[in-house]
């Protein structure tokens, strides 16, 4: 199938596939369309001022100054030039007009489309309490956010981190190595509660505490106070138990919100994300959606879900691109995630929360181990610390478990003398 150009309305441009967004999902959509031999026009429209870049290194290598802006880019400018992909940077889409099949940007430019792909991603959840507008309170979502944090993050300064998820812990690891005093505040009874078991939470709590981070759990933030020397800059974090933690800067990592407004306002069905089918198509047959902003069905997990992960965004981008060009492809992947903290690589596949049995393979003390999560004897998830080769095999095991419901012997799992491939 080849999509024909739509040049009939002189008021609009001649673009046939429009991509809204400028993150990794959008970049992969453009690359996949060309790999699928699409030769028509592509335009990417985004509020970002930078070329599409990788987000995972932002809270790790880039924050630590170990990675340059150039290396963050998913692809260099030359790629977009040679592949004839038009970039409309710093000009977000203001509205989608489904009746005329066009989009209008904030600057008033209009582009017609035959197929539209929404890759609007997500944004940091903001905290709205007393003092939350003081300077020195940061969120970490974009490259510009991290540049602002780096300007504030000097050795000896006191950093307070609100939120004990991946972002908070990754930032804490970088900051403590950079010589800052770090305090982390988490309202749940343990860090990483939303994503893993208490066993792994305890492992990471001990790791960060040993590194010098002070962790306060079951503690809510009630407000921010100003620095005595500057009424506009943060100086402390007020906690619900009445204590106050001194801080020269604050980083808030309390989750993200899917950017669905542009779709919702256009009448596209949304519910905790833009609703898509297993082809990544929305309730409008000419509009697809990909990445963090989507709520999609997963046949392996037998449920709908919204995922905040790069692997999901990349795979959905490939699926949407194929289907737009008539090459049928179904999205059905086992979710997986990763996090780098200090010199430890955490990799996770599936969902540990559904399990009724948790089996450790390897040594937590040696900081190289896996935790297998079983439900009724079937593997539903695996967490891996510094065991990347074994993890790749286990990732396939989790998927096999979902497809075939094959039961595993717990005694064999924990026996490190038996190779993973034999299990």
Protein backbone atom coordinates (compact mmCIF):
# COMPACT_ATOMS: atom_id res chain seq x y z
CA UNK A 1 0.00 0.00 0.00
CA UNK A 2 1.29 3.45 -0.89
CA UNK A 3 -0.25 6.55 0.60
CA UNK A 4 -0.96 9.12 -2.08
CA UNK A 5 -0.24 12.82 -1.57
CA UNK A 6 -3.14 15.06 -0.68
CA UNK A 7 -2.50 18.33 -2.49
CA UNK A 8 -6.06 19.38 -3.14
CA UNK A 9 -6.43 22.12 -0.52
CA UNK A 10 -4.03 24.99 -1.32
CA UNK A 11 -4.58 26.46 2.15
CA UNK A 12 -2.61 23.59 3.66
CA UNK A 13 0.86 22.19 3.08
CA UNK A 14 1.42 18.97 1.14
CA UNK A 15 2.46 16.80 4.06
CA UNK A 16 0.83 13.37 4.12
CA UNK A 17 2.09 11.88 7.40
CA UNK A 18 2.28 14.19 10.39
CA UNK A 19 3.99 13.17 13.63
CA UNK A 20 3.11 15.16 16.75
CA UNK A 21 5.90 15.06 19.34
CA UNK A 22 9.68 15.10 19.35
CA UNK A 23 10.82 12.31 21.66
CA UNK A 24 12.20 8.83 21.06
CA UNK A 25 8.82 7.52 19.92
CA UNK A 26 8.48 10.25 17.28
CA UNK A 27 12.05 9.73 16.06
CA UNK A 28 11.48 5.97 15.75
CA UNK A 29 8.20 6.50 13.87
CA UNK A 30 10.00 8.61 11.27
CA UNK A 31 12.85 6.10 10.93
CA UNK A 32 10.46 3.14 10.70
CA UNK A 33 8.34 4.79 8.01
CA UNK A 34 11.44 5.19 5.86
CA UNK A 35 12.61 1.64 6.66
CA UNK A 36 9.16 0.42 5.56
CA UNK A 37 9.92 2.12 2.20
CA UNK A 38 7.49 5.02 2.59
CA UNK A 39 8.64 7.76 0.18
CA UNK A 40 6.01 10.45 0.83
CA UNK A 41 6.31 13.53 2.99
CA UNK A 42 6.84 13.33 6.76
CA UNK A 43 6.76 16.27 9.14
CA UNK A 44 7.52 16.11 12.84
CA UNK A 45 5.97 18.91 14.91
CA UNK A 46 7.16 19.43 18.49
CA UNK A 47 7.44 21.98 21.26
CA UNK A 48 11.01 20.75 21.89
CA UNK A 49 13.80 23.10 20.85
CA UNK A 50 16.23 20.18 20.46
CA UNK A 51 16.39 17.28 18.02
CA UNK A 52 14.78 14.12 19.49
CA UNK A 53 17.00 12.86 22.30
CA UNK A 54 17.23 9.93 24.70
CA UNK A 55 15.59 10.55 28.07
CA UNK A 56 17.06 7.72 30.22
CA UNK A 57 20.59 9.22 30.40
CA UNK A 58 19.20 12.59 31.57
CA UNK A 59 18.98 11.52 35.23
CA UNK A 60 22.18 9.49 35.02
CA UNK A 61 25.12 10.06 32.63
CA UNK A 62 24.05 13.49 31.38
CA UNK A 63 23.32 14.82 34.87
CA UNK A 64 26.73 13.51 35.98
CA UNK A 65 28.44 15.32 33.08
CA UNK A 66 29.57 12.03 31.54
CA UNK A 67 27.56 12.41 28.34
CA UNK A 68 27.38 15.31 25.88
CA UNK A 69 24.28 16.85 24.32
CA UNK A 70 25.42 15.54 20.93
CA UNK A 71 25.52 11.95 22.21
CA UNK A 72 22.00 12.30 23.63
CA UNK A 73 20.51 12.83 20.17
CA UNK A 74 18.64 9.78 18.85
CA UNK A 75 19.85 10.70 15.37
CA UNK A 76 21.92 13.58 14.02
CA UNK A 77 20.50 16.41 11.89
CA UNK A 78 22.01 14.72 8.83
CA UNK A 79 19.55 11.81 9.20
CA UNK A 80 16.50 14.09 8.97
CA UNK A 81 18.05 15.94 6.03
CA UNK A 82 18.96 12.85 4.00
CA UNK A 83 15.65 11.10 4.82
CA UNK A 84 13.68 14.20 3.83
CA UNK A 85 11.94 14.55 7.20
CA UNK A 86 10.73 18.07 7.93
CA UNK A 87 11.26 19.20 11.53
CA UNK A 88 8.99 21.87 13.00
CA UNK A 89 10.72 22.57 16.33
CA UNK A 90 9.60 24.89 19.16
CA UNK A 91 6.08 25.10 17.70
CA UNK A 92 3.64 22.74 19.45
CA UNK A 93 0.42 21.59 17.82
CA UNK A 94 -2.43 23.72 19.17
CA UNK A 95 -5.28 21.66 17.77
CA UNK A 96 -6.22 18.73 15.57
CA UNK A 97 -9.07 19.27 13.09
CA UNK A 98 -10.26 15.76 12.26
CA UNK A 99 -12.93 16.92 9.78
CA UNK A 100 -10.39 18.63 7.50
CA UNK A 101 -7.61 16.18 8.48
CA UNK A 102 -5.23 18.95 9.47
CA UNK A 103 -3.30 20.24 12.46
CA UNK A 104 -2.60 23.83 13.45
CA UNK A 105 0.49 24.84 15.42
CA UNK A 106 0.87 27.53 18.07
CA UNK A 107 2.43 29.83 15.47
CA UNK A 108 -0.64 29.45 13.23
CA UNK A 109 0.87 27.14 10.61
CA UNK A 110 -1.42 24.44 9.21
CA UNK A 111 -0.47 21.02 7.90
CA UNK A 112 -2.80 18.53 6.25
CA UNK A 113 -2.37 14.84 6.89
CA UNK A 114 -3.58 11.57 5.52
CA UNK A 115 -2.34 9.74 8.59
CA UNK A 116 -1.47 11.34 11.92
CA UNK A 117 0.68 9.80 14.66
CA UNK A 118 0.47 11.27 18.17
CA UNK A 119 3.69 10.82 20.17
CA UNK A 120 3.13 13.51 22.80
CA UNK A 121 4.63 11.50 25.66
CA UNK A 122 4.21 12.70 29.20
CA UNK A 123 5.14 15.52 31.54
CA UNK A 124 6.34 15.66 35.15
CA UNK A 125 3.60 15.72 37.76
CA UNK A 126 3.85 19.06 39.55
CA UNK A 127 3.53 19.62 43.28
CA UNK A 128 1.16 22.43 44.24
CA UNK A 129 1.70 23.35 47.88
CA UNK A 130 2.90 26.33 49.89
CA UNK A 131 6.19 27.63 48.46
CA UNK A 132 6.17 25.38 45.38
CA UNK A 133 6.84 28.41 43.15
CA UNK A 134 10.19 29.23 44.82
CA UNK A 135 13.27 29.08 42.61
CA UNK A 136 15.58 26.12 43.18
CA UNK A 137 12.70 23.63 43.02
CA UNK A 138 13.28 21.46 39.95
CA UNK A 139 11.57 18.73 37.95
CA UNK A 140 13.52 16.34 35.76
CA UNK A 141 11.87 15.57 32.45
CA UNK A 142 13.62 17.52 29.68
CA UNK A 143 17.16 18.32 28.64
CA UNK A 144 16.60 21.95 29.69
CA UNK A 145 15.41 20.76 33.11
CA UNK A 146 18.70 18.92 33.65
CA UNK A 147 20.78 21.88 32.47
CA UNK A 148 19.04 23.99 35.14
CA UNK A 149 19.67 21.32 37.80
CA UNK A 150 23.35 21.06 36.85
CA UNK A 151 23.75 24.81 37.31
CA UNK A 152 22.43 24.46 40.87
CA UNK A 153 24.18 21.22 41.81
CA UNK A 154 27.53 22.12 43.38
CA UNK A 155 29.49 20.03 45.88
CA UNK A 156 28.63 20.81 49.49
CA UNK A 157 25.09 21.94 48.71
CA UNK A 158 22.12 20.35 50.44
CA UNK A 159 19.77 18.55 48.03
CA UNK A 160 16.31 17.35 49.00
CA UNK A 161 14.66 14.82 46.67
CA UNK A 162 10.89 14.41 46.87
CA UNK A 163 9.91 10.93 45.66
CA UNK A 164 11.60 7.54 45.96
CA UNK A 165 11.02 6.16 42.47
CA UNK A 166 13.57 5.58 39.70
CA UNK A 167 14.18 9.27 39.01
CA UNK A 168 14.69 10.21 42.66
CA UNK A 169 17.11 7.36 43.29
CA UNK A 170 19.09 7.87 40.08
CA UNK A 171 19.48 11.58 40.83
CA UNK A 172 20.45 10.78 44.42
CA UNK A 173 23.20 8.42 43.26
CA UNK A 174 24.66 11.06 40.93
CA UNK A 175 24.39 13.85 43.51
CA UNK A 176 26.01 11.97 46.39
CA UNK A 177 28.95 11.07 44.12
CA UNK A 178 29.20 14.75 43.16
CA UNK A 179 29.68 15.69 46.83
CA UNK A 180 26.25 17.01 47.76
CA UNK A 181 24.39 16.26 50.99
CA UNK A 182 21.32 14.31 49.92
CA UNK A 183 18.04 13.70 51.72
CA UNK A 184 15.26 11.70 50.05
CA UNK A 185 11.63 12.00 51.16
CA UNK A 186 9.10 9.29 50.25
CA UNK A 187 5.48 9.24 51.40
CA UNK A 188 5.07 5.45 51.07
CA UNK A 189 6.51 3.05 53.64
CA UNK A 190 9.31 2.05 51.24
CA UNK A 191 11.13 3.33 48.16
CA UNK A 192 10.29 1.84 44.73
CA UNK A 193 6.99 0.58 46.14
CA UNK A 194 5.09 1.08 42.89
CA UNK A 195 7.48 -1.04 40.84
CA UNK A 196 9.00 -3.80 42.95
CA UNK A 197 8.90 -6.06 46.02
CA UNK A 198 9.87 -5.10 49.57
CA UNK A 199 12.97 -7.31 49.27
CA UNK A 200 14.41 -5.25 46.41
CA UNK A 201 13.25 -1.99 48.04
CA UNK A 202 15.23 -2.94 51.17
CA UNK A 203 18.30 -3.76 49.06
CA UNK A 204 18.25 -0.34 47.39
CA UNK A 205 17.46 1.50 50.64
CA UNK A 206 20.56 -0.05 52.25
CA UNK A 207 22.64 0.71 49.15
CA UNK A 208 21.71 4.42 49.14
CA UNK A 209 21.96 4.77 52.92
CA UNK A 210 25.47 3.27 52.86
CA UNK A 211 26.40 5.78 50.14
CA UNK A 212 25.34 8.60 52.48
CA UNK A 213 21.77 9.43 51.45
CA UNK A 214 19.34 10.07 54.31
CA UNK A 215 16.02 8.39 53.47
CA UNK A 216 12.75 9.41 55.14
CA UNK A 217 9.84 7.06 54.37
CA UNK A 218 6.19 7.49 55.37
CA UNK A 219 6.84 11.22 55.16
CA UNK A 220 4.70 13.63 53.15
CA UNK A 221 5.84 17.08 52.07
CA UNK A 222 3.53 19.86 53.24
CA UNK A 223 5.37 22.93 51.95
CA UNK A 224 8.62 24.68 51.07
CA UNK A 225 10.20 27.54 52.99
CA UNK A 226 12.31 30.36 51.58
CA UNK A 227 16.02 30.78 52.14
CA UNK A 228 16.62 33.37 54.92
CA UNK A 229 18.93 35.29 52.56
CA UNK A 230 16.53 35.25 49.60
CA UNK A 231 12.75 35.39 49.86
CA UNK A 232 12.34 33.94 46.34
CA UNK A 233 14.65 30.91 46.68
CA UNK A 234 13.96 27.63 48.44
CA UNK A 235 15.67 27.03 51.77
CA UNK A 236 13.82 24.11 53.28
CA UNK A 237 11.22 21.38 52.93
CA UNK A 238 8.41 21.20 55.48
CA UNK A 239 7.23 17.68 56.30
CA UNK A 240 3.85 16.53 57.54
CA UNK A 241 5.34 15.35 60.85
CA UNK A 242 6.34 18.92 61.66
CA UNK A 243 10.04 18.60 60.85
CA UNK A 244 11.85 20.78 58.33
CA UNK A 245 14.72 19.62 56.13
CA UNK A 246 17.20 22.31 55.08
CA UNK A 247 17.74 22.39 51.31
CA UNK A 248 19.66 24.58 48.88
CA UNK A 249 17.85 22.91 46.00
CA UNK A 250 14.98 20.46 45.61
CA UNK A 251 14.23 17.90 42.90
CA UNK A 252 10.67 16.62 42.71
CA UNK A 253 10.08 13.18 41.14
CA UNK A 254 6.51 12.15 41.95
CA UNK A 255 5.50 10.59 38.65
CA UNK A 256 4.38 11.72 35.22
CA UNK A 257 1.12 12.61 33.49
CA UNK A 258 0.32 11.50 29.91
CA UNK A 259 -0.07 14.36 27.44
CA UNK A 260 -3.52 13.50 26.10
CA UNK A 261 -5.12 16.95 25.94
CA UNK A 262 -4.54 17.53 22.21
CA UNK A 263 -6.23 14.18 21.46
CA UNK A 264 -9.05 14.58 23.97
CA UNK A 265 -9.95 18.05 22.68
CA UNK A 266 -10.21 16.58 19.17
CA UNK A 267 -12.75 14.01 20.40
CA UNK A 268 -10.39 11.03 20.31
CA UNK A 269 -11.27 8.48 23.00
CA UNK A 270 -9.05 8.71 26.11
CA UNK A 271 -8.99 6.96 29.47
CA UNK A 272 -5.74 7.11 31.46
CA UNK A 273 -4.04 7.72 28.13
CA UNK A 274 -5.09 7.84 24.49
CA UNK A 275 -6.98 4.59 23.85
CA UNK A 276 -5.41 2.54 21.04
CA UNK A 277 -5.96 -0.98 19.71
CA UNK A 278 -3.27 -3.62 19.18
CA UNK A 279 -2.35 -1.89 15.89
CA UNK A 280 -1.74 1.39 17.81
CA UNK A 281 -4.76 2.94 16.08
CA UNK A 282 -7.01 5.36 18.01
CA UNK A 283 -10.80 5.71 17.78
CA UNK A 284 -10.13 7.67 14.55
CA UNK A 285 -8.96 5.31 11.78
CA UNK A 286 -6.59 7.96 10.39
CA UNK A 287 -4.91 8.71 13.72
CA UNK A 288 -2.43 6.49 15.57
CA UNK A 289 -0.76 7.05 18.94
CA UNK A 290 2.49 5.72 20.38
CA UNK A 291 4.42 5.74 23.67
CA UNK A 292 3.82 7.08 27.19
CA UNK A 293 0.62 8.84 26.13
CA UNK A 294 -1.16 5.62 25.10
CA UNK A 295 -3.38 3.13 26.90
CA UNK A 296 -3.09 -0.11 24.97
CA UNK A 297 -4.22 -3.74 25.17
CA UNK A 298 -1.64 -6.45 25.83
CA UNK A 299 -2.69 -9.99 24.94
CA UNK A 300 0.19 -11.50 26.94
CA UNK A 301 -0.97 -9.75 30.13
CA UNK A 302 -4.67 -10.04 29.21
CA UNK A 303 -5.36 -6.43 30.18
CA UNK A 304 -5.06 -2.80 29.07
CA UNK A 305 -2.29 -0.65 30.51
CA UNK A 306 -0.32 2.55 30.07
CA UNK A 307 3.45 2.11 30.16
CA UNK A 308 6.15 4.68 30.83
CA UNK A 309 9.12 3.03 29.16
CA UNK A 310 11.44 3.45 26.19
CA UNK A 311 11.12 -0.19 24.95
CA UNK A 312 7.33 0.24 24.80
CA UNK A 313 7.59 3.53 22.91
CA UNK A 314 10.05 2.10 20.37
CA UNK A 315 8.08 -1.09 19.71
CA UNK A 316 4.77 0.76 19.39
CA UNK A 317 6.44 3.16 16.93
CA UNK A 318 7.46 0.22 14.72
CA UNK A 319 3.98 -1.31 14.94
CA UNK A 320 2.15 1.93 14.11
CA UNK A 321 4.44 2.68 11.16
CA UNK A 322 3.95 -0.79 9.69
CA UNK A 323 0.16 -0.67 10.02
CA UNK A 324 -0.11 2.83 8.54
CA UNK A 325 1.59 1.48 5.41
CA UNK A 326 -0.61 -1.61 5.25
CA UNK A 327 1.93 -4.09 6.62
CA UNK A 328 -0.12 -5.61 9.43
CA UNK A 329 1.68 -5.83 12.73
CA UNK A 330 0.29 -6.44 16.22
CA UNK A 331 1.71 -4.97 19.40
CA UNK A 332 2.19 -7.72 21.98
CA UNK A 333 5.36 -7.36 24.03
CA UNK A 334 6.28 -8.15 27.61
CA UNK A 335 7.03 -4.85 29.39
CA UNK A 336 10.57 -4.31 30.63
CA UNK A 337 12.46 -1.48 32.32
CA UNK A 338 15.93 -0.59 33.55
CA UNK A 339 17.61 1.76 36.00
CA UNK A 340 21.30 2.60 36.58
CA UNK A 341 22.23 3.54 40.15
CA UNK A 342 25.94 3.80 41.10
CA UNK A 343 27.60 0.89 39.27
CA UNK A 344 24.51 -1.31 39.51
CA UNK A 345 22.21 -2.04 36.58
CA UNK A 346 18.67 -2.95 37.57
CA UNK A 347 16.62 -4.66 34.83
CA UNK A 348 12.99 -5.71 35.27
CA UNK A 349 10.60 -7.69 33.08
CA UNK A 350 6.93 -8.36 33.75
CA UNK A 351 5.19 -7.37 36.98
CA UNK A 352 6.25 -8.59 40.41
CA UNK A 353 3.07 -7.29 42.08
CA UNK A 354 0.98 -10.14 40.68
CA UNK A 355 3.21 -12.88 42.15
CA UNK A 356 2.59 -15.10 45.18
CA UNK A 357 6.17 -16.45 45.37
CA UNK A 358 9.54 -14.65 45.10
CA UNK A 359 12.77 -16.64 44.64
CA UNK A 360 16.27 -15.17 44.73
CA UNK A 361 19.05 -16.59 42.55
CA UNK A 362 22.56 -15.42 43.35
CA UNK A 363 23.87 -13.26 46.17
CA UNK A 364 22.45 -9.90 47.24
CA UNK A 365 25.64 -9.34 49.27
CA UNK A 366 27.75 -9.72 46.12
CA UNK A 367 25.37 -7.32 44.31
CA UNK A 368 24.75 -9.74 41.44
CA UNK A 369 21.45 -11.60 41.62
CA UNK A 370 18.00 -12.19 40.14
CA UNK A 371 14.61 -12.34 41.82
CA UNK A 372 12.03 -14.56 40.11
CA UNK A 373 8.34 -13.75 40.66
CA UNK A 374 5.92 -16.66 40.26
CA UNK A 375 2.16 -16.89 40.38
CA UNK A 376 0.79 -20.42 40.77
CA UNK A 377 4.21 -21.68 39.69
CA UNK A 378 4.25 -19.63 36.46
CA UNK A 379 6.93 -16.94 35.96
CA UNK A 380 5.24 -13.50 35.77
CA UNK A 381 8.26 -11.28 36.34
CA UNK A 382 11.98 -11.13 37.00
CA UNK A 383 14.23 -8.47 38.52
CA UNK A 384 17.94 -8.54 37.77
CA UNK A 385 20.82 -6.67 39.39
CA UNK A 386 24.16 -6.76 37.55
CA UNK A 387 23.21 -9.96 35.70
CA UNK A 388 22.50 -8.68 32.16
CA UNK A 389 23.19 -11.93 30.27
CA UNK A 390 20.95 -13.99 32.52
CA UNK A 391 18.31 -11.27 32.38
CA UNK A 392 18.01 -11.49 28.58
CA UNK A 393 17.30 -15.23 28.88
CA UNK A 394 14.85 -14.62 31.76
CA UNK A 395 13.03 -11.96 29.76
CA UNK A 396 12.22 -14.68 27.22
CA UNK A 397 11.19 -17.01 30.05
CA UNK A 398 8.68 -14.43 31.34
CA UNK A 399 7.19 -14.10 27.87
CA UNK A 400 7.10 -17.89 27.48
CA UNK A 401 5.31 -18.12 30.84
CA UNK A 402 2.67 -15.65 29.68
CA UNK A 403 2.14 -17.49 26.38
CA UNK A 404 2.25 -21.10 27.58
CA UNK A 405 1.63 -20.99 31.38
CA UNK A 406 4.51 -23.44 31.85
CA UNK A 407 5.37 -24.01 35.52
CA UNK A 408 8.91 -23.79 36.86
CA UNK A 409 10.56 -25.74 39.66
CA UNK A 410 11.51 -23.24 42.42
CA UNK A 411 14.42 -25.39 43.64
CA UNK A 412 15.99 -25.37 40.17
CA UNK A 413 15.58 -21.60 39.84
CA UNK A 414 17.58 -20.86 42.97
CA UNK A 415 20.32 -23.40 42.13
CA UNK A 416 23.09 -21.35 40.49
CA UNK A 417 24.89 -24.55 39.39
CA UNK A 418 22.09 -25.07 36.84
CA UNK A 419 22.51 -22.68 33.88
CA UNK A 420 19.55 -20.42 33.12
CA UNK A 421 19.28 -21.83 29.62
CA UNK A 422 18.60 -25.31 31.10
CA UNK A 423 15.76 -23.90 33.19
